[in-house]
C-alpha atoms as a PDB file:
ATOM      1  CA  UNK A   1      71.607 -51.830  88.551  1.00  0.00           C
ATOM      2  CA  UNK A   2      74.193 -54.333  87.006  1.00  0.00           C
ATOM      3  CA  UNK A   3      71.865 -55.169  84.147  1.00  0.00           C
ATOM      4  CA  UNK A   4      71.726 -51.269  83.377  1.00  0.00           C
ATOM      5  CA  UNK A   5      75.574 -50.942  83.447  1.00  0.00           C
ATOM      6  CA  UNK A   6      75.778 -53.964  81.272  1.00  0.00           C
ATOM      7  CA  UNK A   7      73.558 -52.528  78.721  1.00  0.00           C
ATOM      8  CA  UNK A   8      75.150 -49.213  78.861  1.00  0.00           C
ATOM      9  CA  UNK A   9      78.600 -51.124  78.527  1.00  0.00           C
ATOM     10  CA  UNK A  10      77.348 -52.910  75.331  1.00  0.00           C
ATOM     11  CA  UNK A  11      76.067 -49.477  73.836  1.00  0.00           C
ATOM     12  CA  UNK A  12      79.472 -47.884  74.565  1.00  0.00           C
ATOM     13  CA  UNK A  13      81.308 -50.798  72.908  1.00  0.00           C
ATOM     14  CA  UNK A  14      78.878 -50.686  69.941  1.00  0.00           C
ATOM     15  CA  UNK A  15      79.353 -46.990  69.362  1.00  0.00           C
ATOM     16  CA  UNK A  16      83.114 -47.307  69.670  1.00  0.00           C
ATOM     17  CA  UNK A  17      82.961 -50.503  67.117  1.00  0.00           C
ATOM     18  CA  UNK A  18      80.910 -48.332  64.751  1.00  0.00           C
ATOM     19  CA  UNK A  19      83.540 -45.523  64.851  1.00  0.00           C
ATOM     20  CA  UNK A  20      86.305 -47.770  64.316  1.00  0.00           C
ATOM     21  CA  UNK A  21      84.485 -49.419  61.344  1.00  0.00           C
ATOM     22  CA  UNK A  22      83.356 -46.176  59.887  1.00  0.00           C
ATOM     23  CA  UNK A  23      87.069 -44.820  60.085  1.00  0.00           C
ATOM     24  CA  UNK A  24      88.536 -47.891  58.477  1.00  0.00           C
ATOM     25  CA  UNK A  25      86.037 -48.250  55.879  1.00  0.00           C
ATOM     26  CA  UNK A  26      86.288 -44.484  54.772  1.00  0.00           C
ATOM     27  CA  UNK A  27      90.113 -44.685  54.690  1.00  0.00           C
ATOM     28  CA  UNK A  28      90.257 -47.717  52.584  1.00  0.00           C
ATOM     29  CA  UNK A  29      87.461 -46.919  50.091  1.00  0.00           C
ATOM     30  CA  UNK A  30      88.551 -43.275  49.638  1.00  0.00           C
ATOM     31  CA  UNK A  31      91.895 -44.422  48.580  1.00  0.00           C
ATOM     32  CA  UNK A  32      90.754 -47.381  46.362  1.00  0.00           C
ATOM     33  CA  UNK A  33      90.375 -45.910  42.831  1.00  0.00           C
ATOM     34  CA  UNK A  34      86.959 -45.913  41.347  1.00  0.00           C
ATOM     35  CA  UNK A  35      88.322 -45.751  37.853  1.00  0.00           C
ATOM     36  CA  UNK A  36      90.096 -48.124  35.795  1.00  0.00           C
ATOM     37  CA  UNK A  37      89.967 -46.155  32.523  1.00  0.00           C
ATOM     38  CA  UNK A  38      93.135 -44.682  30.882  1.00  0.00           C
ATOM     39  CA  UNK A  39      93.236 -40.858  30.721  1.00  0.00           C
ATOM     40  CA  UNK A  40      90.995 -39.566  27.806  1.00  0.00           C
ATOM     41  CA  UNK A  41      92.576 -37.639  24.850  1.00  0.00           C
ATOM     42  CA  UNK A  42      91.971 -34.006  23.854  1.00  0.00           C
ATOM     43  CA  UNK A  43      92.172 -32.907  27.642  1.00  0.00           C
ATOM     44  CA  UNK A  44      92.420 -29.238  27.225  1.00  0.00           C
ATOM     45  CA  UNK A  45      90.021 -27.818  29.924  1.00  0.00           C
ATOM     46  CA  UNK A  46      91.648 -26.962  33.155  1.00  0.00           C
ATOM     47  CA  UNK A  47      89.943 -27.604  36.440  1.00  0.00           C
ATOM     48  CA  UNK A  48      91.114 -28.046  39.929  1.00  0.00           C
ATOM     49  CA  UNK A  49      90.161 -29.875  42.959  1.00  0.00           C
ATOM     50  CA  UNK A  50      90.524 -27.632  45.931  1.00  0.00           C
ATOM     51  CA  UNK A  51      90.188 -28.147  49.806  1.00  0.00           C
ATOM     52  CA  UNK A  52      90.078 -25.796  52.784  1.00  0.00           C
ATOM     53  CA  UNK A  53      91.451 -28.658  54.918  1.00  0.00           C
ATOM     54  CA  UNK A  54      88.002 -30.087  55.562  1.00  0.00           C
ATOM     55  CA  UNK A  55      85.633 -29.193  52.661  1.00  0.00           C
ATOM     56  CA  UNK A  56      86.338 -29.875  48.871  1.00  0.00           C
ATOM     57  CA  UNK A  57      85.168 -27.738  45.952  1.00  0.00           C
ATOM     58  CA  UNK A  58      85.460 -28.370  42.245  1.00  0.00           C
ATOM     59  CA  UNK A  59      86.877 -25.413  40.575  1.00  0.00           C
ATOM     60  CA  UNK A  60      86.155 -24.817  37.028  1.00  0.00           C
ATOM     61  CA  UNK A  61      86.947 -22.068  34.448  1.00  0.00           C
ATOM     62  CA  UNK A  62      83.892 -19.546  34.498  1.00  0.00           C
ATOM     63  CA  UNK A  63      83.791 -19.353  30.696  1.00  0.00           C
ATOM     64  CA  UNK A  64      84.677 -22.171  28.318  1.00  0.00           C
ATOM     65  CA  UNK A  65      83.282 -23.132  24.818  1.00  0.00           C
ATOM     66  CA  UNK A  66      80.810 -25.413  26.439  1.00  0.00           C
ATOM     67  CA  UNK A  67      79.588 -23.233  29.190  1.00  0.00           C
ATOM     68  CA  UNK A  68      79.273 -19.793  30.610  1.00  0.00           C
ATOM     69  CA  UNK A  69      78.689 -19.908  34.399  1.00  0.00           C
ATOM     70  CA  UNK A  70      78.202 -16.417  34.709  1.00  0.00           C
ATOM     71  CA  UNK A  71      74.845 -16.772  33.153  1.00  0.00           C
ATOM     72  CA  UNK A  72      73.846 -19.537  35.508  1.00  0.00           C
ATOM     73  CA  UNK A  73      75.477 -18.152  38.803  1.00  0.00           C
ATOM     74  CA  UNK A  74      75.385 -14.366  38.021  1.00  0.00           C
ATOM     75  CA  UNK A  75      78.068 -12.027  39.544  1.00  0.00           C
ATOM     76  CA  UNK A  76      75.234  -9.834  40.640  1.00  0.00           C
ATOM     77  CA  UNK A  77      74.301 -12.391  43.244  1.00  0.00           C
ATOM     78  CA  UNK A  78      77.527 -11.778  45.180  1.00  0.00           C
ATOM     79  CA  UNK A  79      78.157  -8.986  47.400  1.00  0.00           C
ATOM     80  CA  UNK A  80      80.875  -7.348  45.585  1.00  0.00           C
ATOM     81  CA  UNK A  81      78.895  -7.659  42.394  1.00  0.00           C
ATOM     82  CA  UNK A  82      82.182  -7.590  40.473  1.00  0.00           C
ATOM     83  CA  UNK A  83      82.370  -9.177  36.998  1.00  0.00           C
ATOM     84  CA  UNK A  84      85.376 -10.956  35.039  1.00  0.00           C
ATOM     85  CA  UNK A  85      86.664 -13.666  37.431  1.00  0.00           C
ATOM     86  CA  UNK A  86      88.458 -16.552  35.652  1.00  0.00           C
ATOM     87  CA  UNK A  87      87.352 -19.480  37.872  1.00  0.00           C
ATOM     88  CA  UNK A  88      84.491 -20.504  40.124  1.00  0.00           C
ATOM     89  CA  UNK A  89      84.581 -22.980  42.872  1.00  0.00           C
ATOM     90  CA  UNK A  90      81.460 -24.972  43.468  1.00  0.00           C
ATOM     91  CA  UNK A  91      80.752 -27.094  46.555  1.00  0.00           C
ATOM     92  CA  UNK A  92      77.730 -28.749  48.133  1.00  0.00           C
ATOM     93  CA  UNK A  93      76.807 -29.135  51.850  1.00  0.00           C
ATOM     94  CA  UNK A  94      74.542 -28.910  54.593  1.00  0.00           C
ATOM     95  CA  UNK A  95      72.633 -25.422  54.612  1.00  0.00           C
ATOM     96  CA  UNK A  96      72.915 -25.115  58.273  1.00  0.00           C
ATOM     97  CA  UNK A  97      76.578 -25.641  58.243  1.00  0.00           C
ATOM     98  CA  UNK A  98      77.348 -23.215  55.377  1.00  0.00           C
ATOM     99  CA  UNK A  99      74.904 -20.444  56.829  1.00  0.00           C
ATOM    100  CA  UNK A 100      75.318 -20.761  60.690  1.00  0.00           C
ATOM    101  CA  UNK A 101      78.940 -22.059  60.975  1.00  0.00           C
ATOM    102  CA  UNK A 102      81.386 -19.589  59.334  1.00  0.00           C
ATOM    103  CA  UNK A 103      84.067 -20.894  61.737  1.00  0.00           C
ATOM    104  CA  UNK A 104      84.289 -24.159  63.959  1.00  0.00           C
ATOM    105  CA  UNK A 105      84.004 -22.069  66.902  1.00  0.00           C
ATOM    106  CA  UNK A 106      80.457 -21.161  65.762  1.00  0.00           C
ATOM    107  CA  UNK A 107      79.588 -24.813  65.477  1.00  0.00           C
ATOM    108  CA  UNK A 108      76.325 -25.769  67.582  1.00  0.00           C
ATOM    109  CA  UNK A 109      75.532 -29.377  68.756  1.00  0.00           C
ATOM    110  CA  UNK A 110      71.987 -28.807  67.079  1.00  0.00           C
ATOM    111  CA  UNK A 111      73.639 -28.134  63.749  1.00  0.00           C
ATOM    112  CA  UNK A 112      76.026 -30.974  63.981  1.00  0.00           C
ATOM    113  CA  UNK A 113      73.374 -33.398  64.950  1.00  0.00           C
ATOM    114  CA  UNK A 114      71.004 -32.272  62.150  1.00  0.00           C
ATOM    115  CA  UNK A 115      73.760 -32.633  59.522  1.00  0.00           C
ATOM    116  CA  UNK A 116      75.059 -35.974  60.716  1.00  0.00           C
ATOM    117  CA  UNK A 117      71.659 -37.725  60.594  1.00  0.00           C
ATOM    118  CA  UNK A 118      70.379 -36.110  57.184  1.00  0.00           C
ATOM    119  CA  UNK A 119      67.788 -34.035  58.746  1.00  0.00           C
ATOM    120  CA  UNK A 120      68.730 -30.634  57.335  1.00  0.00           C
ATOM    121  CA  UNK A 121      68.621 -29.009  53.819  1.00  0.00           C
ATOM    122  CA  UNK A 122      71.416 -28.564  51.664  1.00  0.00           C
ATOM    123  CA  UNK A 123      73.023 -25.798  49.260  1.00  0.00           C
ATOM    124  CA  UNK A 124      75.466 -25.378  46.657  1.00  0.00           C
ATOM    125  CA  UNK A 125      78.068 -22.564  47.584  1.00  0.00           C
ATOM    126  CA  UNK A 126      79.604 -20.850  44.623  1.00  0.00           C
ATOM    127  CA  UNK A 127      83.093 -18.876  45.091  1.00  0.00           C
ATOM    128  CA  UNK A 128      84.652 -16.736  42.255  1.00  0.00           C
ATOM    129  CA  UNK A 129      88.431 -16.536  42.057  1.00  0.00           C
ATOM    130  CA  UNK A 130      90.661 -14.303  39.869  1.00  0.00           C
ATOM    131  CA  UNK A 131      93.313 -16.946  39.735  1.00  0.00           C
ATOM    132  CA  UNK A 132      94.004 -20.230  41.131  1.00  0.00           C
ATOM    133  CA  UNK A 133      97.372 -21.422  42.635  1.00  0.00           C
ATOM    134  CA  UNK A 134      98.121 -25.274  43.046  1.00  0.00           C
ATOM    135  CA  UNK A 135      99.386 -26.202  46.489  1.00  0.00           C
ATOM    136  CA  UNK A 136      99.161 -29.182  49.067  1.00  0.00           C
ATOM    137  CA  UNK A 137      95.412 -28.570  49.022  1.00  0.00           C
ATOM    138  CA  UNK A 138      94.602 -27.577  45.526  1.00  0.00           C
ATOM    139  CA  UNK A 139      95.400 -29.724  42.593  1.00  0.00           C
ATOM    140  CA  UNK A 140      94.967 -29.038  38.630  1.00  0.00           C
ATOM    141  CA  UNK A 141      93.615 -31.602  36.335  1.00  0.00           C
ATOM    142  CA  UNK A 142      92.968 -31.326  32.694  1.00  0.00           C
ATOM    143  CA  UNK A 143      89.763 -32.871  31.130  1.00  0.00           C
ATOM    144  CA  UNK A 144      88.060 -33.066  27.791  1.00  0.00           C
ATOM    145  CA  UNK A 145      84.705 -31.494  26.668  1.00  0.00           C
ATOM    146  CA  UNK A 146      82.797 -34.712  27.384  1.00  0.00           C
ATOM    147  CA  UNK A 147      84.101 -34.848  30.961  1.00  0.00           C
ATOM    148  CA  UNK A 148      83.396 -31.241  31.331  1.00  0.00           C
ATOM    149  CA  UNK A 149      79.732 -31.813  30.191  1.00  0.00           C
ATOM    150  CA  UNK A 150      79.475 -34.682  32.789  1.00  0.00           C
ATOM    151  CA  UNK A 151      80.401 -32.068  35.548  1.00  0.00           C
ATOM    152  CA  UNK A 152      77.776 -29.570  34.146  1.00  0.00           C
ATOM    153  CA  UNK A 153      75.089 -32.147  34.242  1.00  0.00           C
ATOM    154  CA  UNK A 154      76.058 -33.350  37.710  1.00  0.00           C
ATOM    155  CA  UNK A 155      75.904 -29.858  38.989  1.00  0.00           C
ATOM    156  CA  UNK A 156      72.686 -29.058  37.529  1.00  0.00           C
ATOM    157  CA  UNK A 157      71.279 -32.142  38.867  1.00  0.00           C
ATOM    158  CA  UNK A 158      72.139 -31.187  42.290  1.00  0.00           C
ATOM    159  CA  UNK A 159      70.394 -27.781  42.194  1.00  0.00           C
ATOM    160  CA  UNK A 160      66.846 -26.966  43.019  1.00  0.00           C
ATOM    161  CA  UNK A 161      65.578 -25.089  39.902  1.00  0.00           C
ATOM    162  CA  UNK A 162      62.883 -22.682  39.578  1.00  0.00           C
ATOM    163  CA  UNK A 163      61.764 -22.084  35.813  1.00  0.00           C
ATOM    164  CA  UNK A 164      65.124 -23.760  34.965  1.00  0.00           C
ATOM    165  CA  UNK A 165      67.186 -21.252  37.011  1.00  0.00           C
ATOM    166  CA  UNK A 166      69.133 -21.820  40.318  1.00  0.00           C
ATOM    167  CA  UNK A 167      67.346 -20.496  43.381  1.00  0.00           C
ATOM    168  CA  UNK A 168      69.490 -17.792  45.141  1.00  0.00           C
ATOM    169  CA  UNK A 169      69.505 -18.377  49.111  1.00  0.00           C
ATOM    170  CA  UNK A 170      68.927 -14.834  50.364  1.00  0.00           C
ATOM    171  CA  UNK A 171      71.354 -14.440  53.195  1.00  0.00           C
ATOM    172  CA  UNK A 172      74.093 -12.104  54.629  1.00  0.00           C
ATOM    173  CA  UNK A 173      76.195 -15.163  55.512  1.00  0.00           C
ATOM    174  CA  UNK A 174      78.636 -15.036  52.589  1.00  0.00           C
ATOM    175  CA  UNK A 175      82.221 -15.672  53.490  1.00  0.00           C
ATOM    176  CA  UNK A 176      83.395 -12.697  51.400  1.00  0.00           C
ATOM    177  CA  UNK A 177      82.399 -10.412  48.481  1.00  0.00           C
ATOM    178  CA  UNK A 178      82.690 -12.912  45.630  1.00  0.00           C
ATOM    179  CA  UNK A 179      80.375 -15.924  46.686  1.00  0.00           C
ATOM    180  CA  UNK A 180      76.929 -16.867  46.978  1.00  0.00           C
ATOM    181  CA  UNK A 181      74.560 -19.794  48.038  1.00  0.00           C
ATOM    182  CA  UNK A 182      72.037 -21.687  46.066  1.00  0.00           C
ATOM    183  CA  UNK A 183      69.183 -24.025  47.117  1.00  0.00           C
ATOM    184  CA  UNK A 184      70.182 -27.648  46.426  1.00  0.00           C
ATOM    185  CA  UNK A 185      68.842 -31.239  46.383  1.00  0.00           C
ATOM    186  CA  UNK A 186      69.677 -33.871  48.721  1.00  0.00           C
ATOM    187  CA  UNK A 187      70.683 -33.905  52.530  1.00  0.00           C
ATOM    188  CA  UNK A 188      74.109 -34.047  54.203  1.00  0.00           C
ATOM    189  CA  UNK A 189      74.682 -37.059  56.517  1.00  0.00           C
ATOM    190  CA  UNK A 190      77.724 -38.978  58.089  1.00  0.00           C
ATOM    191  CA  UNK A 191      77.483 -41.175  55.052  1.00  0.00           C
ATOM    192  CA  UNK A 192      76.875 -38.471  52.235  1.00  0.00           C
ATOM    193  CA  UNK A 193      79.115 -35.568  53.256  1.00  0.00           C
ATOM    194  CA  UNK A 194      80.311 -32.504  51.278  1.00  0.00           C
ATOM    195  CA  UNK A 195      83.264 -34.530  50.043  1.00  0.00           C
ATOM    196  CA  UNK A 196      81.125 -37.398  48.989  1.00  0.00           C
ATOM    197  CA  UNK A 197      79.409 -35.048  46.563  1.00  0.00           C
ATOM    198  CA  UNK A 198      82.627 -34.065  45.424  1.00  0.00           C
ATOM    199  CA  UNK A 199      83.907 -37.409  44.924  1.00  0.00           C
ATOM    200  CA  UNK A 200      80.776 -38.629  42.952  1.00  0.00           C
ATOM    201  CA  UNK A 201      81.079 -35.637  40.666  1.00  0.00           C
ATOM    202  CA  UNK A 202      84.821 -36.688  39.969  1.00  0.00           C
ATOM    203  CA  UNK A 203      83.583 -40.253  39.079  1.00  0.00           C
ATOM    204  CA  UNK A 204      80.900 -38.980  36.922  1.00  0.00           C
ATOM    205  CA  UNK A 205      83.475 -37.145  35.040  1.00  0.00           C
ATOM    206  CA  UNK A 206      85.810 -40.071  34.854  1.00  0.00           C
ATOM    207  CA  UNK A 207      88.344 -38.212  36.888  1.00  0.00           C
ATOM    208  CA  UNK A 208      90.596 -39.722  39.688  1.00  0.00           C
ATOM    209  CA  UNK A 209      88.216 -40.537  42.745  1.00  0.00           C
ATOM    210  CA  UNK A 210      87.838 -43.034  45.486  1.00  0.00           C
ATOM    211  CA  UNK A 211      85.184 -45.583  45.716  1.00  0.00           C
ATOM    212  CA  UNK A 212      83.445 -43.602  48.768  1.00  0.00           C
ATOM    213  CA  UNK A 213      84.665 -40.690  50.539  1.00  0.00           C
ATOM    214  CA  UNK A 214      83.524 -38.412  53.273  1.00  0.00           C
ATOM    215  CA  UNK A 215      86.814 -36.602  54.055  1.00  0.00           C
ATOM    216  CA  UNK A 216      88.763 -34.437  51.733  1.00  0.00           C
ATOM    217  CA  UNK A 217      92.095 -36.394  52.335  1.00  0.00           C
ATOM    218  CA  UNK A 218      91.083 -39.404  50.464  1.00  0.00           C
ATOM    219  CA  UNK A 219      89.948 -37.465  47.340  1.00  0.00           C
ATOM    220  CA  UNK A 220      93.256 -35.359  47.618  1.00  0.00           C
ATOM    221  CA  UNK A 221      95.437 -38.713  47.947  1.00  0.00           C
ATOM    222  CA  UNK A 222      94.302 -39.391  43.974  1.00  0.00           C
ATOM    223  CA  UNK A 223      96.006 -36.205  42.908  1.00  0.00           C
ATOM    224  CA  UNK A 224      99.168 -36.047  44.987  1.00  0.00           C
ATOM    225  CA  UNK A 225     102.101 -37.233  42.990  1.00  0.00           C
END
């Protein structure tokens, strides 16, 4: 019995130690800048980094010279089917979380387990906006055409495509009448979260970002003045 308790004690200490190390590593690395480059010139395209308090999206203008996103993610795929939105938020995450957990009270242990250990599928969530207002959870940043193209490539590389087009997830789990889900590549885990995806997108586009981030706070810290 003593041996069993001793083993259990080591296991508990190991779990606690891992959690502490994870939290410290995430905090430090997410706030350590991944870019040493100076701001590029000709930054005329307004984008945003937006959080809901947990999950981050990259918000882009629907139409710019380089891209018309309404041809990629059609308005017709939303419940409202309304056209003419000015901005579009794009986020990546665990498909089970997206579709089965509209609110934290709906979270199931099985969904959390599958997501934490990278056992599930992923999805891209697209949300259209008429306008974007900056606040403590939403920060604007201007980029140039080259940076914008880097974001476009990163998003495309994250999508599962059929004949070159995103695959719509047929579901009634939309959050409102102006969003839709699409099949994506990769798997969510405790080491690669929705915020890791966003942080990597920012790094690809030479925007402010951390070395590694799984929480929104570290990402937003690079935009708070």
